Amino acid sequence: MKILLTILFLLNTILFAQNYPSKPITLVVGLGKGGSSDRMARNMATLLEKELNTSINVINIKANASLDAANYVLAQESDGYTIFTSAFSPYLANTVLSGQSTYTLDDFHFINIQWFDYDLISVNKDSKINSIKELLSEIKDSPKKIKIAVIYKSSGHLMIKLLLEKFNIPFEKVEFNFFAGGELARTALIESKVDLLIIAAQGSEKYRNEIKPLAVISDKKSRRWDAPTLNEALKDTNITLPIINGPMRGFAVSKQFKERYPQRYLILEKAIKKVLAKRSNQRILKEKNIGYTWIGDKRSKEVLLKTYNLFETYNYLFDK
């Protein structure tokens, strides 16, 4: 009897899965309209609609740097019709580390991180500073505070604080200017309202002729920027910094959805993977400067946890 009930349960689960999706899906973006995460979500929504044969709505919940969006996703029915998309690192990680959230990263299942970015340290094209070493000397010796543009509690914000700490430069020697978005921060550098910018590299490419790159915050040299990696720029100082990855953008669902509806989850996972595997879709995303990597759920969780642990280790710097 138990075997029969188990078989019936499995058959029922498969039948329900075959009807998925039977209504519109909502993508919840944990940041504002027009930003990189929003662009990724809206372009992927168009491609996924064709693959899943349903309409996909995109909503933005930008308050509190993904905190409200994460709470919204977890408050919905865990049935596969609400999908979370955002820059999970650093924003989602920060909501946990700040103590603001009642959730942890384990409450989400990360389907895939498809867009990895790295941060760029740059100055205005007319700046007299030409290297990281010159930058550090300028910060130390200048009678004026060096104005630095960052997004609050971003990977760039943490890396510049870590750099200053490692070189024993008092934080009082700099003035942090916080911006809600990358475009505003980049404009501030171009208009010489700030002296230094540390922000995601890809969004900076259209300003290439207006800025001077000093270093990329990455383990590998960039093909897009004529600049050394941060540790290459510091190689004569005998100081090596841990590299904290820039924004990581992708798709996630509640952990409960995967547990309750494994067949539906597989359909959704397969659809995203298939979209990213098509050359025509890759060309579309590449032309729009949007990442299209497939690394899967296990690898996605690994890289997120690695960066989360670095944020946790150096989180004290945000309070200094």
Protein backbone atom coordinates (compact mmCIF):
# COMPACT_ATOMS: atom_id res chain seq x y z
CA MET A 1 0.00 0.00 0.00
CA LYS A 2 2.82 2.38 0.93
CA ILE A 3 4.52 1.67 -2.40
CA LEU A 4 1.29 2.42 -4.26
CA LEU A 5 0.83 5.71 -2.41
CA THR A 6 4.42 6.69 -3.16
CA ILE A 7 3.92 5.95 -6.86
CA LEU A 8 0.68 7.95 -6.91
CA PHE A 9 2.41 10.86 -5.15
CA LEU A 10 5.25 10.86 -7.67
CA LEU A 11 2.85 10.70 -10.60
CA ASN A 12 0.84 13.57 -9.17
CA THR A 13 4.03 15.62 -8.70
CA ILE A 14 5.07 15.00 -12.31
CA LEU A 15 1.62 15.97 -13.62
CA PHE A 16 1.69 19.23 -11.68
CA ALA A 17 5.19 19.92 -12.98
CA GLN A 18 4.06 19.42 -16.58
CA ASN A 19 1.56 22.25 -16.14
CA TYR A 20 4.27 24.63 -14.94
CA PRO A 21 4.20 27.47 -15.66
CA SER A 22 0.46 27.90 -16.06
CA LYS A 23 0.35 31.62 -15.21
CA PRO A 24 2.64 34.66 -15.42
CA ILE A 25 5.93 34.65 -13.51
CA THR A 26 7.23 37.66 -11.58
CA LEU A 27 10.90 38.60 -11.51
CA VAL A 28 11.72 40.68 -8.44
CA VAL A 29 14.69 42.99 -8.91
CA GLY A 30 16.31 44.03 -5.64
CA LEU A 31 17.60 47.30 -7.08
CA GLY A 32 16.24 50.26 -9.03
CA LYS A 33 15.21 50.62 -12.67
CA GLY A 34 17.89 51.24 -15.26
CA GLY A 35 20.74 49.68 -13.31
CA SER A 36 22.72 46.61 -14.35
CA SER A 37 20.60 44.12 -12.39
CA ASP A 38 17.43 45.63 -13.84
CA ARG A 39 18.79 45.48 -17.40
CA MET A 40 19.77 41.84 -16.91
CA ALA A 41 16.34 40.95 -15.53
CA ARG A 42 14.37 42.65 -18.29
CA ASN A 43 16.46 41.22 -21.12
CA MET A 44 16.39 37.74 -19.60
CA ALA A 45 12.62 38.03 -19.06
CA THR A 46 12.09 38.51 -22.79
CA LEU A 47 14.22 35.46 -23.60
CA LEU A 48 12.70 33.30 -20.86
CA GLU A 49 9.15 34.11 -21.98
CA LYS A 50 9.84 32.30 -25.24
CA GLU A 51 11.44 29.35 -23.47
CA LEU A 52 8.77 28.94 -20.78
CA ASN A 53 5.87 29.97 -23.00
CA THR A 54 4.42 32.38 -20.44
CA SER A 55 4.52 36.08 -19.72
CA ILE A 56 7.05 37.39 -17.22
CA ASN A 57 6.55 40.57 -15.25
CA VAL A 58 9.45 42.52 -13.77
CA ILE A 59 9.05 44.57 -10.61
CA ASN A 60 11.66 46.65 -8.79
CA ILE A 61 11.87 46.84 -5.01
CA LYS A 62 14.90 49.03 -4.52
CA ALA A 63 14.55 50.15 -0.90
CA ASN A 64 17.18 49.08 1.64
CA ALA A 65 19.59 47.58 -0.90
CA SER A 66 17.73 44.30 -1.57
CA LEU A 67 16.46 43.79 1.99
CA ASP A 68 12.85 44.61 1.13
CA ALA A 69 13.04 42.65 -2.12
CA ALA A 70 14.37 39.57 -0.34
CA ASN A 71 11.63 39.78 2.29
CA TYR A 72 9.03 40.18 -0.45
CA VAL A 73 10.25 37.07 -2.29
CA LEU A 74 10.22 34.95 0.86
CA ALA A 75 6.73 36.18 1.78
CA GLN A 76 5.24 34.90 -1.50
CA GLU A 77 3.93 31.40 -2.10
CA SER A 78 6.91 29.12 -2.79
CA ASP A 79 5.44 27.79 -6.02
CA GLY A 80 7.90 28.95 -8.67
CA TYR A 81 6.04 32.05 -9.77
CA THR A 82 8.22 34.52 -7.89
CA ILE A 83 11.90 34.64 -8.83
CA PHE A 84 14.55 36.82 -7.23
CA THR A 85 17.13 38.55 -9.39
CA SER A 86 19.70 41.01 -8.11
CA ALA A 87 23.34 41.68 -7.37
CA PHE A 88 23.43 39.04 -4.65
CA SER A 89 26.93 40.10 -3.81
CA PRO A 90 27.41 42.49 -2.16
CA TYR A 91 23.86 43.67 -1.48
CA LEU A 92 22.11 40.53 -0.25
CA ALA A 93 25.18 39.54 1.77
CA ASN A 94 25.26 42.98 3.39
CA THR A 95 21.65 42.73 4.54
CA VAL A 96 22.57 39.56 6.43
CA LEU A 97 25.85 40.84 7.87
CA SER A 98 24.28 44.11 8.99
CA GLY A 99 21.84 42.22 11.19
CA GLN A 100 18.87 43.82 9.43
CA SER A 101 17.51 40.60 7.99
CA THR A 102 15.61 37.76 9.62
CA TYR A 103 16.78 35.46 6.80
CA THR A 104 20.15 33.96 5.89
CA LEU A 105 21.67 33.07 2.53
CA ASP A 106 20.50 29.49 3.16
CA ASP A 107 16.88 30.60 2.81
CA PHE A 108 17.54 31.05 -0.91
CA HIS A 109 18.53 28.64 -3.62
CA PHE A 110 20.79 30.34 -6.14
CA ILE A 111 20.00 28.92 -9.56
CA ASN A 112 22.86 30.63 -11.35
CA ILE A 113 25.20 33.60 -11.19
CA GLN A 114 25.47 34.69 -14.80
CA TRP A 115 27.14 38.07 -14.57
CA PHE A 116 30.42 38.59 -12.75
CA ASP A 117 31.87 42.08 -12.61
CA TYR A 118 35.05 43.44 -11.11
CA ASP A 119 35.78 46.87 -9.73
CA LEU A 120 37.92 49.50 -11.37
CA ILE A 121 39.99 52.13 -9.57
CA SER A 122 40.15 55.25 -11.72
CA VAL A 123 40.78 58.99 -11.72
CA ASN A 124 39.79 61.78 -14.06
CA LYS A 125 41.70 61.68 -17.36
CA ASP A 126 43.38 65.00 -16.48
CA SER A 127 44.52 63.88 -13.03
CA LYS A 128 48.24 64.04 -12.25
CA ILE A 129 47.99 60.61 -10.59
CA ASN A 130 49.08 57.76 -12.86
CA SER A 131 49.41 54.73 -10.57
CA ILE A 132 48.23 53.18 -7.32
CA LYS A 133 51.56 54.03 -5.69
CA GLU A 134 51.18 57.67 -6.69
CA LEU A 135 47.63 57.58 -5.38
CA LEU A 136 48.75 56.31 -1.97
CA SER A 137 51.48 58.96 -1.80
CA GLU A 138 48.97 61.67 -2.72
CA ILE A 139 46.57 60.55 0.00
CA LYS A 140 49.38 60.52 2.57
CA ASP A 141 50.98 63.83 1.63
CA SER A 142 48.16 66.02 0.37
CA PRO A 143 47.03 68.72 2.80
CA LYS A 144 43.53 68.24 1.43
CA LYS A 145 41.35 65.19 1.85
CA ILE A 146 41.10 63.03 -1.26
CA LYS A 147 37.45 62.69 -2.27
CA ILE A 148 36.50 59.12 -3.12
CA ALA A 149 33.28 58.12 -4.91
CA VAL A 150 31.85 54.71 -3.99
CA ILE A 151 28.54 52.98 -3.49
CA TYR A 152 27.98 52.47 0.23
CA LYS A 153 29.05 49.04 1.50
CA SER A 154 29.94 47.87 -1.99
CA SER A 155 32.96 45.69 -2.79
CA GLY A 156 34.75 48.84 -3.97
CA HIS A 157 34.02 50.62 -0.69
CA LEU A 158 35.43 47.69 1.27
CA MET A 159 38.51 47.28 -0.94
CA ILE A 160 39.61 50.92 -0.69
CA LYS A 161 39.24 50.79 3.09
CA LEU A 162 41.26 47.59 3.18
CA LEU A 163 43.92 49.19 1.00
CA LEU A 164 44.20 52.19 3.32
CA GLU A 165 44.38 49.97 6.39
CA LYS A 166 47.13 47.78 4.95
CA PHE A 167 49.24 50.86 4.18
CA ASN A 168 48.55 52.42 7.58
CA ILE A 169 46.84 55.46 6.08
CA PRO A 170 44.31 57.05 8.45
CA PHE A 171 40.78 57.08 7.08
CA GLU A 172 40.65 60.74 8.08
CA LYS A 173 42.89 61.47 5.08
CA VAL A 174 40.02 60.73 2.69
CA GLU A 175 36.42 61.85 2.29
CA PHE A 176 33.97 59.24 1.11
CA ASN A 177 31.21 60.42 -1.21
CA PHE A 178 28.43 57.83 -1.35
CA PHE A 179 26.23 57.44 -4.42
CA ALA A 180 23.02 55.50 -4.95
CA GLY A 181 24.01 54.44 -8.48
CA GLY A 182 26.98 53.99 -10.73
CA GLU A 183 26.03 56.64 -13.25
CA LEU A 184 25.94 59.38 -10.64
CA ALA A 185 29.29 58.31 -9.22
CA ARG A 186 30.96 58.19 -12.63
CA THR A 187 29.55 61.60 -13.55
CA ALA A 188 30.98 63.03 -10.32
CA LEU A 189 34.47 61.89 -11.34
CA ILE A 190 34.15 63.19 -14.89
CA GLU A 191 32.98 66.57 -13.58
CA SER A 192 35.90 66.58 -11.07
CA LYS A 193 33.58 66.69 -8.09
CA VAL A 194 35.58 63.77 -6.66
CA ASP A 195 39.21 62.73 -7.09
CA LEU A 196 38.88 58.97 -7.18
CA LEU A 197 36.30 56.38 -8.20
CA ILE A 198 36.07 52.70 -7.25
CA ILE A 199 33.13 51.06 -8.98
CA ALA A 200 32.09 48.21 -11.30
CA ALA A 201 34.25 48.19 -14.41
CA GLN A 202 31.71 47.23 -17.06
CA GLY A 203 29.46 50.19 -16.44
CA SER A 204 32.47 52.46 -16.78
CA GLU A 205 33.29 51.48 -20.36
CA LYS A 206 31.22 54.16 -22.05
CA TYR A 207 33.23 56.74 -20.11
CA ARG A 208 36.54 55.26 -21.24
CA ASN A 209 37.74 58.51 -22.83
CA GLU A 210 36.94 60.54 -19.72
CA ILE A 211 38.68 58.48 -17.06
CA LYS A 212 42.14 57.09 -16.35
CA PRO A 213 42.24 53.51 -14.98
CA LEU A 214 44.80 52.85 -12.26
CA ALA A 215 44.02 49.20 -11.46
CA VAL A 216 41.41 46.49 -11.79
CA ILE A 217 40.40 44.68 -8.62
CA SER A 218 40.69 41.18 -9.96
CA ASP A 219 42.95 38.14 -9.87
CA LYS A 220 43.34 38.33 -13.63
CA LYS A 221 44.34 41.18 -15.89
CA SER A 222 41.47 42.67 -17.85
CA ARG A 223 41.27 42.51 -21.64
CA ARG A 224 39.08 45.60 -21.60
CA TRP A 225 41.27 47.94 -19.57
CA ASP A 226 44.92 48.90 -19.97
CA ALA A 227 45.63 48.70 -16.27
CA PRO A 228 47.35 46.25 -13.92
CA THR A 229 45.54 44.19 -11.36
CA LEU A 230 45.62 45.73 -7.90
CA ASN A 231 48.21 43.28 -6.60
CA GLU A 232 50.36 43.75 -9.71
CA ALA A 233 50.32 47.47 -9.01
CA LEU A 234 51.46 46.74 -5.44
CA LYS A 235 54.08 44.08 -6.23
CA ASP A 236 57.07 46.20 -5.06
CA THR A 237 55.46 46.98 -1.70
CA ASN A 238 55.52 43.41 -0.29
CA ILE A 239 51.82 43.80 0.48
CA THR A 240 49.23 41.50 -1.11
CA LEU A 241 45.53 42.16 -0.67
CA PRO A 242 42.73 39.61 -0.70
CA ILE A 243 40.64 40.29 -3.80
CA ILE A 244 36.96 40.85 -3.09
CA ASN A 245 34.86 40.18 -6.16
CA GLY A 246 32.72 42.91 -7.62
CA PRO A 247 28.97 42.58 -8.20
CA MET A 248 27.60 39.08 -8.84
CA ARG A 249 24.23 39.08 -10.54
CA GLY A 250 21.94 36.16 -11.15
CA PHE A 251 18.71 34.35 -10.32
CA ALA A 252 17.46 32.70 -7.14
CA VAL A 253 14.30 31.25 -5.65
CA SER A 254 13.26 30.43 -2.12
CA LYS A 255 14.80 27.25 -0.79
CA GLN A 256 11.29 26.01 -0.01
CA PHE A 257 10.31 26.14 -3.68
CA LYS A 258 13.08 23.74 -4.68
CA GLU A 259 12.18 21.41 -1.82
CA ARG A 260 8.41 21.45 -2.41
CA TYR A 261 8.37 21.43 -6.20
CA PRO A 262 11.57 19.75 -7.42
CA GLN A 263 10.14 19.05 -10.87
CA ARG A 264 9.06 22.65 -11.36
CA TYR A 265 12.48 23.77 -10.21
CA LEU A 266 14.14 21.55 -12.82
CA ILE A 267 11.94 23.06 -15.53
CA LEU A 268 12.91 26.58 -14.48
CA GLU A 269 16.60 25.72 -14.13
CA LYS A 270 16.63 24.02 -17.53
CA ALA A 271 14.95 27.03 -19.15
CA ILE A 272 17.52 29.50 -17.78
CA LYS A 273 20.39 27.22 -18.77
CA LYS A 274 18.96 26.77 -22.26
CA VAL A 275 18.54 30.52 -22.74
CA LEU A 276 22.15 31.14 -21.78
CA ALA A 277 23.42 28.30 -23.99
CA LYS A 278 21.94 29.66 -27.24
CA ARG A 279 24.48 31.54 -29.34
CA SER A 280 21.83 33.96 -30.59
CA ASN A 281 20.92 34.88 -27.01
CA GLN A 282 24.58 35.23 -26.06
CA ARG A 283 25.03 37.71 -28.90
CA ILE A 284 22.01 39.71 -27.72
CA LEU A 285 23.28 39.87 -24.14
CA LYS A 286 26.85 40.58 -25.20
CA GLU A 287 25.75 43.48 -27.41
CA LYS A 288 23.98 44.94 -24.37
CA ASN A 289 27.03 44.37 -22.16
CA ILE A 290 25.20 41.83 -19.98
CA GLY A 291 26.85 38.67 -18.63
CA TYR A 292 25.65 35.28 -19.86
CA THR A 293 27.71 32.71 -17.92
CA TRP A 294 26.25 29.42 -16.75
CA ILE A 295 27.97 27.91 -13.69
CA GLY A 296 24.99 26.20 -12.05
CA ASP A 297 23.64 26.21 -8.52
CA LYS A 298 26.49 24.49 -6.67
CA ARG A 299 29.24 26.68 -8.09
CA SER A 300 27.05 29.79 -7.65
CA LYS A 301 26.65 29.05 -3.94
CA GLU A 302 30.39 28.43 -3.58
CA VAL A 303 31.48 31.75 -5.10
CA LEU A 304 28.84 33.68 -3.17
CA LEU A 305 29.92 32.12 0.11
CA LYS A 306 33.58 32.86 -0.62
CA THR A 307 32.83 36.54 -1.10
CA TYR A 308 30.40 36.54 1.83
CA ASN A 309 33.16 35.22 4.09
CA LEU A 310 35.51 38.01 2.97
CA PHE A 311 32.84 40.61 3.67
CA GLU A 312 32.29 39.04 7.07
CA THR A 313 36.03 39.09 7.84
CA TYR A 314 36.51 42.75 6.95
CA ASN A 315 33.04 44.05 7.77
CA TYR A 316 34.47 45.97 10.76
CA LEU A 317 36.09 48.41 8.31
CA PHE A 318 32.69 49.86 7.40
CA ASP A 319 32.37 51.17 10.94
CA LYS A 320 35.69 53.02 10.89
